[in-house]
Amino acid sequence: MKLKDIVHFRNLLAKFEPNPRCHVAIDHLRSLIHQVDGQDIRLPNRVEDLMAHLSTVESGVNNFMEVVRDMDRQLMTLVQGLEPAMLENSREVHCMQPLTDKSDRILQRQLTMDEADRDRLVGKINNIADWRMPAMILRPGLESFVDIMVGWDPLYVVDERSELLDPCVAKFNPEYQRRLRKYTVNDHGAAPYLKDLPDNQFGLILAYNYFNYKPLEVVKQYLSEIAVKLRPGGEAIVTYNDCDWAHGVALAEQAFMSYVPGRYLIEHARGIGLIVSTQHRGTGDVCWLVLKKPGEMHSIRGGQSLAKILARPK
């Protein structure tokens, strides 16, 4: 019995709880009784009979759904029995990554994502863009997100090795390259990982296709540090391998990505004071959280040079 099969069973049950169609049907029957009761023609005991049967229907639906919920609880018990091994495997894979993950291999990793999800993510980034605020990208890699974030000032690009930042930096002319803030981090050593970056400064932190390969405790540590790095009102957008979903478990079982159930990240984010404004599970490999630090963003900056920053043509 594989964990992905158990989680797939839970995902199937989740489609039926709560099931709005059941409530719509009951409301429809209740409306019919109301109309019957409002007629001038009175048929003996008919309204009472209908009410009694409706009560039976409601009780039956509630009992049915309670069995579904109990099945889910049983499945969750099975999940919790298999989780420790999955979490430990993700830790072991992470420990080996400095030896096994070459830079070119890391840069070639991509998340499968349809155009609708990409547009949704780009739209979110654009909607919160504010040139007055610094922003950070964890693992800009070969993705195009850096191209739409150059308006944030300054823009920090962060990864584990300087060569992982080279393709991102090389997109721009030397003048803008000097404006970029380049940092490397080491999450295989002692925390904090982001100790060299300023606190309470960032309006946006994007971690795309970065936490997908980190074990749960490392991702939680990053989130704790991100909460410190964001300024009030700032937001973080982070992708991860959601193992509350069977597809994510399958990727973790094959050691393609880490075992990181979204329920644990959401619980941790709320525990450190972040607001979970969005949990999006898209097509393919894409799952992300949008986390907001309580408060409103403010800046005393009053102007910016009128110039447009463009990536070098390919």
Protein backbone atom coordinates (compact mmCIF):
# COMPACT_ATOMS: atom_id res chain seq x y z
CA MET A 1 0.00 0.00 0.00
CA LYS A 2 1.64 3.21 -1.19
CA LEU A 3 1.11 6.57 0.39
CA LYS A 4 0.16 8.15 -2.91
CA ASP A 5 -2.77 5.70 -3.21
CA ILE A 6 -4.03 6.58 0.26
CA VAL A 7 -3.76 10.30 -0.45
CA HIS A 8 -5.50 9.79 -3.80
CA PHE A 9 -8.38 8.15 -1.90
CA ARG A 10 -8.53 11.17 0.43
CA ASN A 11 -8.51 13.54 -2.54
CA LEU A 12 -11.43 11.60 -4.02
CA LEU A 13 -13.45 11.87 -0.80
CA ALA A 14 -12.66 15.59 -0.55
CA LYS A 15 -14.64 16.19 -3.71
CA PHE A 16 -17.79 15.12 -1.85
CA GLU A 17 -17.34 17.00 1.42
CA PRO A 18 -19.04 19.32 1.63
CA ASN A 19 -21.24 18.47 -1.33
CA PRO A 20 -23.33 21.55 -2.20
CA ARG A 21 -25.58 19.58 -4.53
CA CYS A 22 -27.03 17.67 -1.58
CA HIS A 23 -27.93 20.93 0.16
CA VAL A 24 -29.38 22.35 -3.05
CA ALA A 25 -31.60 19.27 -3.43
CA ILE A 26 -32.81 19.54 0.17
CA ASP A 27 -33.52 23.25 -0.24
CA HIS A 28 -35.46 22.45 -3.41
CA LEU A 29 -37.60 19.94 -1.53
CA ARG A 30 -38.15 22.38 1.30
CA SER A 31 -39.28 25.00 -1.24
CA LEU A 32 -41.76 22.51 -2.68
CA ILE A 33 -43.22 21.88 0.77
CA HIS A 34 -43.55 25.62 1.32
CA GLN A 35 -45.47 25.97 -1.94
CA VAL A 36 -47.75 23.06 -1.14
CA ASP A 37 -48.45 24.50 2.29
CA GLY A 38 -49.37 27.84 0.71
CA GLN A 39 -52.12 26.45 -1.51
CA ASP A 40 -55.81 27.05 -0.80
CA ILE A 41 -56.53 23.42 -1.58
CA ARG A 42 -55.76 21.44 1.55
CA LEU A 43 -55.02 17.74 1.19
CA PRO A 44 -55.19 15.94 4.55
CA ASN A 45 -51.81 15.25 6.21
CA ARG A 46 -49.82 15.81 2.99
CA VAL A 47 -47.66 18.64 4.31
CA GLU A 48 -46.96 16.69 7.49
CA ASP A 49 -46.00 13.60 5.45
CA LEU A 50 -43.67 15.64 3.25
CA MET A 51 -42.02 17.24 6.29
CA ALA A 52 -41.46 13.83 7.89
CA HIS A 53 -39.89 12.42 4.71
CA LEU A 54 -37.72 15.52 4.29
CA SER A 55 -36.45 15.02 7.83
CA THR A 56 -35.57 11.43 6.90
CA VAL A 57 -33.74 12.64 3.79
CA GLU A 58 -31.73 15.22 5.77
CA SER A 59 -30.86 12.67 8.42
CA GLY A 60 -29.80 10.18 5.76
CA VAL A 61 -27.56 12.72 4.01
CA ASN A 62 -25.97 13.72 7.31
CA ASN A 63 -25.37 10.09 8.24
CA PHE A 64 -23.93 9.40 4.79
CA MET A 65 -21.51 12.32 5.03
CA GLU A 66 -20.48 11.32 8.54
CA VAL A 67 -19.42 7.95 7.15
CA VAL A 68 -17.40 9.79 4.49
CA ARG A 69 -15.74 11.94 7.18
CA ASP A 70 -14.99 8.84 9.26
CA MET A 71 -13.40 7.19 6.22
CA ASP A 72 -11.23 10.28 5.79
CA ARG A 73 -10.16 10.10 9.42
CA GLN A 74 -9.18 6.45 8.97
CA LEU A 75 -7.20 7.30 5.85
CA MET A 76 -5.49 10.16 7.68
CA THR A 77 -4.37 7.72 10.35
CA LEU A 78 -2.77 5.61 7.63
CA VAL A 79 -1.11 8.71 6.16
CA GLN A 80 0.35 9.67 9.54
CA GLY A 81 1.75 6.17 9.93
CA LEU A 82 3.69 6.42 6.67
CA GLU A 83 4.71 10.09 6.90
CA PRO A 84 7.77 9.74 9.17
CA ALA A 85 9.58 7.59 6.60
CA MET A 86 8.76 10.06 3.82
CA LEU A 87 9.95 13.03 5.89
CA GLU A 88 13.17 11.24 6.77
CA ASN A 89 13.81 10.34 3.14
CA SER A 90 13.43 14.00 2.14
CA ARG A 91 15.95 14.95 4.82
CA GLU A 92 18.43 12.36 3.55
CA VAL A 93 18.05 13.51 -0.06
CA HIS A 94 18.60 17.11 1.04
CA CYS A 95 21.78 16.18 2.89
CA MET A 96 23.16 14.59 -0.28
CA GLN A 97 22.22 17.47 -2.60
CA PRO A 98 25.51 19.40 -2.33
CA LEU A 99 27.23 16.29 -3.69
CA THR A 100 24.64 15.15 -6.23
CA ASP A 101 22.99 18.31 -7.58
CA LYS A 102 25.15 20.01 -10.17
CA SER A 103 24.34 23.60 -11.07
CA ASP A 104 23.35 22.86 -14.66
CA ARG A 105 20.96 20.16 -13.46
CA ILE A 106 19.37 22.55 -10.95
CA LEU A 107 18.92 25.23 -13.60
CA GLN A 108 17.17 22.81 -15.93
CA ARG A 109 14.49 21.91 -13.38
CA GLN A 110 11.08 23.19 -14.36
CA LEU A 111 7.58 22.96 -12.97
CA THR A 112 4.88 21.83 -15.37
CA MET A 113 2.33 24.63 -15.46
CA ASP A 114 -0.34 25.63 -17.96
CA GLU A 115 -0.71 29.14 -19.33
CA ALA A 116 -3.68 29.96 -17.10
CA ASP A 117 -1.66 29.26 -13.96
CA ARG A 118 1.35 31.19 -15.26
CA ASP A 119 -0.87 34.16 -16.09
CA ARG A 120 -2.42 33.96 -12.62
CA LEU A 121 0.99 33.98 -10.97
CA VAL A 122 2.34 36.79 -13.14
CA GLY A 123 -0.83 38.77 -12.51
CA LYS A 124 -0.40 38.42 -8.76
CA ILE A 125 3.20 39.64 -8.96
CA ASN A 126 2.19 42.60 -11.10
CA ASN A 127 -0.74 43.51 -8.85
CA ILE A 128 1.47 44.01 -5.81
CA ALA A 129 4.39 45.63 -7.67
CA ASP A 130 5.69 48.76 -5.93
CA TRP A 131 8.94 50.41 -7.07
CA ARG A 132 9.36 52.00 -3.64
CA MET A 133 10.01 48.63 -2.02
CA PRO A 134 12.84 46.10 -2.20
CA ALA A 135 11.96 42.62 -3.48
CA MET A 136 13.70 39.26 -3.37
CA ILE A 137 13.70 36.22 -5.66
CA LEU A 138 14.91 32.93 -4.27
CA ARG A 139 16.28 30.96 -7.23
CA PRO A 140 15.61 33.22 -10.22
CA GLY A 141 17.30 30.61 -12.42
CA LEU A 142 16.22 30.58 -16.05
CA GLU A 143 12.68 31.72 -15.31
CA SER A 144 11.26 34.98 -16.64
CA PHE A 145 9.92 36.28 -13.32
CA VAL A 146 12.98 38.44 -12.78
CA ASP A 147 12.05 40.33 -15.96
CA ILE A 148 8.77 41.52 -14.44
CA MET A 149 10.28 42.31 -11.03
CA VAL A 150 13.00 44.73 -12.12
CA GLY A 151 10.74 47.63 -11.13
CA TRP A 152 11.21 46.81 -7.44
CA ASP A 153 14.12 48.79 -6.09
CA PRO A 154 16.43 47.27 -5.17
CA LEU A 155 15.94 43.71 -6.39
CA TYR A 156 17.72 40.94 -4.47
CA VAL A 157 18.50 37.67 -6.26
CA VAL A 158 19.36 34.79 -3.95
CA ASP A 159 20.47 31.19 -4.40
CA GLU A 160 22.79 28.58 -2.94
CA ARG A 161 25.67 29.18 -5.37
CA SER A 162 26.82 32.18 -7.33
CA GLU A 163 26.82 30.22 -10.61
CA LEU A 164 23.10 29.63 -10.17
CA LEU A 165 22.62 33.41 -10.30
CA ASP A 166 24.80 33.96 -13.38
CA PRO A 167 22.10 33.29 -16.04
CA CYS A 168 19.71 35.69 -14.32
CA VAL A 169 22.28 38.45 -13.97
CA ALA A 170 23.57 38.00 -17.52
CA LYS A 171 20.18 39.04 -18.91
CA PHE A 172 20.88 42.67 -18.09
CA ASN A 173 23.36 45.33 -19.10
CA PRO A 174 26.34 46.09 -16.82
CA GLU A 175 24.65 49.15 -15.32
CA TYR A 176 21.67 47.20 -14.03
CA GLN A 177 23.84 44.26 -13.04
CA ARG A 178 25.58 46.58 -10.59
CA ARG A 179 22.21 47.53 -9.11
CA LEU A 180 21.16 43.94 -8.46
CA ARG A 181 21.79 42.65 -4.95
CA LYS A 182 23.30 39.18 -5.27
CA TYR A 183 23.41 36.87 -2.25
CA THR A 184 24.16 33.22 -1.62
CA VAL A 185 22.65 31.19 1.22
CA ASN A 186 23.43 27.84 2.81
CA ASP A 187 20.51 25.87 4.18
CA HIS A 188 22.71 22.81 4.81
CA GLY A 189 24.32 24.57 7.75
CA ALA A 190 23.01 26.25 10.85
CA ALA A 191 20.06 28.62 10.66
CA PRO A 192 19.31 31.44 10.07
CA TYR A 193 19.79 31.03 6.34
CA LEU A 194 18.91 34.61 5.34
CA LYS A 195 20.95 36.29 8.06
CA ASP A 196 22.82 38.55 5.61
CA LEU A 197 19.64 40.11 4.23
CA PRO A 198 17.88 43.08 5.89
CA ASP A 199 14.91 42.65 8.22
CA ASN A 200 11.49 44.33 7.79
CA GLN A 201 12.34 45.60 4.31
CA PHE A 202 10.84 43.47 1.57
CA GLY A 203 7.54 44.20 -0.12
CA LEU A 204 7.66 40.94 -2.06
CA ILE A 205 9.59 37.69 -1.70
CA LEU A 206 9.18 35.12 -4.46
CA ALA A 207 10.45 31.56 -4.04
CA TYR A 208 9.60 29.73 -7.25
CA ASN A 209 10.63 26.09 -7.73
CA TYR A 210 12.96 26.39 -4.73
CA PHE A 211 11.13 24.97 -1.72
CA ASN A 212 9.94 22.07 -3.89
CA TYR A 213 13.27 20.36 -3.18
CA LYS A 214 13.66 21.27 0.49
CA PRO A 215 12.56 19.08 3.43
CA LEU A 216 9.68 20.25 5.58
CA GLU A 217 11.74 21.57 8.50
CA VAL A 218 13.96 23.60 6.16
CA VAL A 219 10.94 25.15 4.42
CA LYS A 220 9.42 26.02 7.79
CA GLN A 221 12.68 27.68 8.86
CA TYR A 222 12.71 29.71 5.65
CA LEU A 223 9.12 30.82 6.28
CA SER A 224 10.04 31.90 9.81
CA GLU A 225 12.87 34.00 8.41
CA ILE A 226 10.73 35.37 5.58
CA ALA A 227 8.25 36.60 8.19
CA VAL A 228 11.09 38.66 9.68
CA LYS A 229 12.38 39.91 6.32
CA LEU A 230 8.98 41.16 5.06
CA ARG A 231 7.90 44.65 5.98
CA PRO A 232 4.35 45.06 7.36
CA GLY A 233 1.94 44.51 4.49
CA GLY A 234 4.57 42.69 2.44
CA GLU A 235 3.77 39.40 0.73
CA ALA A 236 5.60 36.18 -0.04
CA ILE A 237 4.69 33.85 -2.90
CA VAL A 238 6.17 30.38 -2.47
CA THR A 239 5.76 27.23 -4.51
CA TYR A 240 6.12 23.84 -2.86
CA ASN A 241 5.42 20.17 -3.51
CA ASP A 242 2.00 19.79 -1.91
CA CYS A 243 1.86 16.27 -0.53
CA ASP A 244 -1.72 16.67 0.60
CA TRP A 245 -2.25 15.89 -3.08
CA ALA A 246 -1.52 12.48 -4.64
CA HIS A 247 0.56 13.96 -7.47
CA GLY A 248 2.90 15.59 -4.96
CA VAL A 249 3.26 12.35 -3.02
CA ALA A 250 4.15 10.49 -6.21
CA LEU A 251 6.92 13.01 -6.92
CA ALA A 252 8.22 12.61 -3.35
CA GLU A 253 8.11 8.80 -3.49
CA GLN A 254 10.33 8.95 -6.57
CA ALA A 255 12.63 11.47 -4.83
CA PHE A 256 11.99 14.04 -7.56
CA MET A 257 10.78 16.53 -4.95
CA SER A 258 10.47 16.71 -1.18
CA TYR A 259 7.59 15.53 0.97
CA VAL A 260 5.90 18.76 2.14
CA PRO A 261 2.17 18.56 2.97
CA GLY A 262 0.53 21.95 2.60
CA ARG A 263 -1.41 21.57 5.84
CA TYR A 264 1.84 21.75 7.81
CA LEU A 265 3.05 24.87 5.99
CA ILE A 266 -0.27 26.64 6.51
CA GLU A 267 -0.29 25.74 10.21
CA HIS A 268 3.28 27.00 10.59
CA ALA A 269 2.67 30.21 8.62
CA ARG A 270 -0.30 31.10 10.81
CA GLY A 271 1.67 30.20 13.92
CA ILE A 272 4.36 32.76 13.06
CA GLY A 273 1.80 35.46 12.40
CA LEU A 274 1.51 35.38 8.60
CA ILE A 275 -1.84 35.60 6.86
CA VAL A 276 -2.49 32.84 4.33
CA SER A 277 -4.28 34.84 1.67
CA THR A 278 -4.13 32.22 -1.09
CA GLN A 279 -3.54 28.49 -1.38
CA HIS A 280 -3.52 27.61 -5.06
CA ARG A 281 -3.26 24.09 -6.42
CA GLY A 282 -2.95 24.27 -10.18
CA THR A 283 -2.38 21.81 -12.95
CA GLY A 284 0.81 19.78 -13.26
CA ASP A 285 3.33 20.32 -10.48
CA VAL A 286 2.23 23.79 -9.44
CA CYS A 287 1.08 24.61 -5.93
CA TRP A 288 1.73 27.91 -4.20
CA LEU A 289 0.90 29.91 -1.11
CA VAL A 290 0.56 33.67 -0.89
CA LEU A 291 1.49 34.78 2.62
CA LYS A 292 1.07 38.31 3.92
CA LYS A 293 2.61 40.01 6.90
CA PRO A 294 -0.08 41.94 8.80
CA GLY A 295 -0.06 45.70 8.41
CA GLU A 296 0.16 48.24 5.60
CA MET A 297 3.19 48.96 3.44
CA HIS A 298 4.64 52.44 3.74
CA SER A 299 7.66 54.13 2.25
CA ILE A 300 9.17 57.60 2.50
CA ARG A 301 10.67 57.33 -0.98
CA GLY A 302 9.23 60.04 -3.18
CA GLY A 303 10.60 59.46 -6.66
CA GLN A 304 12.39 57.18 -9.04
CA SER A 305 14.42 57.85 -12.16
CA LEU A 306 12.30 57.59 -15.28
CA ALA A 307 13.95 54.71 -17.10
CA LYS A 308 12.73 51.35 -18.26
CA ILE A 309 14.82 48.29 -17.45
CA LEU A 310 14.87 45.61 -20.11
CA ALA A 311 16.50 42.24 -20.32
CA ARG A 312 19.06 41.88 -23.06
CA PRO A 313 17.58 40.53 -26.30
CA LYS A 314 18.28 36.86 -26.82
